Amino acid sequence: MLTSYRTIKQSGQHEFTINKSRFITHITRAADEVTAHSFIEGIKKEHWNAAHNCSAYVIGEQDHIQKANDDGEPNGTAGVPMLEVLKKRELKDTVVVVTRYFGGIKLGAGGLIRAYGSSVSEALNHVGIVRRTLMQELVVTADYTLLGKLEYEARNSSYILDTVDYEEQVKLHLYAPVEEQEACREWLINISSGQAGIEAGRQAFVETDELS
């Protein structure tokens, strides 16, 4: 099972104009082809009067599902460059549709490749990219005399301090990558001098922002 991968931060769209043609990029997450096809068909229905609704997606842990569609543009000038941008950014489970409203000026093959590739790149910069990492929650229970030190150390570590519960004893909820959970447990024992209780909580994918 893949424990860390990149994908888009959120669904969204971005538009820009090249030589009077409008290029509207729509992007979302898709964990399977059914979701991807549904998204693509929805955009096609919404923009039924557009000249083209070109699409591309990458799905699966090993990117084993990859599709590109030029939707009437010259072969290889739209879907493929869109797909290449997704692959270059190392994104998974992502589907994109670029809607083109023709402005009357032909761009040529090279111009189309640049336009569709740039459309996707600009949209990715707009919606943002995250790394999803499978993490183990560790619930740290301690006396309030340890709260200051534990919170300070946690916030200045590579681990993620999620929430703090102020009960009879304080409880800190930390997340560590699954492969680092034992190291995190030892670190917590060390900084608390063995005075904190540590219990495993749930496993979940946690998202952190990455540079586009």
Foldseek 3Di string as FASTA:
>chain_A
DDFKFKAFPAWDWDWDDDPQKIKIKTKGFAQDVVVQVVVQVVVCVVPVVFPAKWKWAFHDPVSPDIDTGPRPDPPPQARVLLRVLCVVVRHYRMMMIITIHDRPDDLPSVRSNVVRNVRNVVVRQVRFMKMWGKKWKKKKWAAPVCVVQVVVVCVPDPKDFDDWDDDNTIITIIIDHPVCVVVVVVVVCVSVVNRIDIDIDDIDIDIDGDDD
